[in-house]
Protein backbone atom coordinates (compact mmCIF):
# COMPACT_ATOMS: atom_id res chain seq x y z
CA MET A 1 24.55 -51.82 24.11
CA GLY A 2 22.63 -49.91 21.27
CA MET A 3 19.84 -51.14 19.21
CA ILE A 4 17.48 -49.75 16.30
CA THR A 5 14.02 -50.74 15.21
CA VAL A 6 12.25 -49.89 11.93
CA SER A 7 9.29 -50.28 10.12
CA ALA A 8 7.61 -48.59 6.93
CA ASN A 9 4.43 -47.33 6.70
CA HIS A 10 4.21 -49.38 3.17
CA LYS A 11 6.14 -52.42 1.90
CA ALA A 12 5.04 -51.98 -1.85
CA VAL A 13 4.64 -48.77 -4.01
CA LYS A 14 4.63 -47.03 -7.07
CA VAL A 15 7.69 -45.62 -8.59
CA GLY A 16 7.69 -41.62 -7.26
CA SER A 17 5.93 -42.82 -3.78
CA THR A 18 7.29 -41.44 -0.43
CA VAL A 19 7.67 -44.29 2.75
CA VAL A 20 7.77 -43.10 6.13
CA PHE A 21 10.77 -44.98 7.86
CA THR A 22 9.69 -45.14 12.08
CA GLY A 23 11.43 -46.60 14.63
CA ARG A 24 12.92 -46.93 18.48
CA VAL A 25 16.50 -46.43 19.40
CA ARG A 26 18.16 -47.59 22.36
CA ALA A 27 21.70 -46.16 23.88
CA VAL A 28 21.62 -43.60 21.33
CA LYS A 29 21.28 -39.94 22.10
CA SER A 30 18.17 -37.59 22.09
CA GLY A 31 19.42 -35.20 18.61
CA SER A 32 21.49 -37.84 17.39
CA THR A 33 21.63 -38.35 13.77
CA VAL A 34 20.09 -41.75 12.33
CA VAL A 35 20.73 -42.31 8.14
CA LEU A 36 18.84 -44.81 6.09
CA GLN A 37 20.67 -46.89 4.11
CA HIS A 38 20.57 -49.35 1.42
CA LEU A 39 22.11 -52.51 -0.16
CA LYS A 40 23.53 -52.16 -3.03
CA ASN A 41 26.11 -54.58 -5.21
CA GLY A 42 26.33 -56.77 -1.25
CA LYS A 43 27.31 -53.61 0.44
CA TRP A 44 25.43 -50.94 2.70
CA ALA A 45 25.59 -47.60 1.70
CA THR A 46 24.32 -44.26 2.90
CA LEU A 47 21.73 -42.09 1.46
CA LYS A 48 20.99 -38.65 1.61
CA TYR A 49 17.58 -39.11 3.61
CA THR A 50 18.24 -38.10 7.52
CA GLY A 51 15.99 -38.01 10.67
CA VAL A 52 16.81 -37.00 14.32
CA VAL A 53 16.15 -39.22 17.44
CA ASN A 54 13.87 -37.48 19.69
CA LYS A 55 13.81 -37.50 23.53
CA ASN A 56 11.51 -40.40 23.95
CA GLY A 57 13.78 -42.51 21.37
CA THR A 58 11.89 -42.25 18.75
CA TYR A 59 12.30 -41.23 14.83
CA THR A 60 10.85 -40.81 11.66
CA ILE A 61 12.89 -40.53 7.78
CA LYS A 62 10.90 -40.16 4.77
CA ARG A 63 11.76 -41.08 1.44
CA THR A 64 10.61 -41.15 -2.11
CA PHE A 65 11.42 -43.77 -4.45
CA SER A 66 12.09 -42.89 -8.17
CA ASP A 67 13.47 -45.98 -9.18
CA LYS A 68 11.62 -49.47 -9.75
CA GLY A 69 12.75 -53.07 -8.11
CA THR A 70 12.96 -54.03 -4.65
CA HIS A 71 15.00 -51.98 -2.01
CA HIS A 72 16.54 -53.63 1.35
CA VAL A 73 17.03 -50.46 3.10
CA ARG A 74 18.04 -49.87 7.62
CA VAL A 75 18.24 -47.23 9.39
CA ALA A 76 22.04 -46.67 11.18
CA THR A 77 23.96 -43.92 13.49
CA LYS A 78 26.00 -41.72 11.73
CA SER A 79 28.79 -43.77 12.28
CA GLY A 80 27.05 -47.00 11.30
CA ALA A 81 27.90 -48.75 14.79
CA ILE A 82 24.46 -49.62 15.73
CA HIS A 83 22.00 -50.32 12.53
CA SER A 84 18.76 -52.22 12.71
CA SER A 85 17.50 -55.25 10.85
CA PRO A 86 17.46 -54.42 7.03
CA VAL A 87 13.07 -54.14 5.87
CA THR A 88 12.25 -54.61 2.27
CA VAL A 89 10.50 -52.09 0.24
CA LYS A 90 9.10 -53.04 -3.38
CA VAL A 91 8.66 -50.39 -5.88
CA SER A 92 6.72 -50.74 -9.45
């Protein structure tokens, strides 16, 4: 069964700051693209931020936040079949 983990290097940032999301995957092929998604109006929407799964099963995605608020994000396979639990980033 596939799995994705995610953690953010910062949980609270200022507008214009970049957050680095890192994690591991299981049952996702090396070289596969993973995408960052955010919760909007109760649904997960895919953002333009992506990462590539390395040979050791890890990935890195960087996102610069341009709007204030509490952002709930997760990482998923391109198909959306496998996704991480969400993490929260507060932007002020």
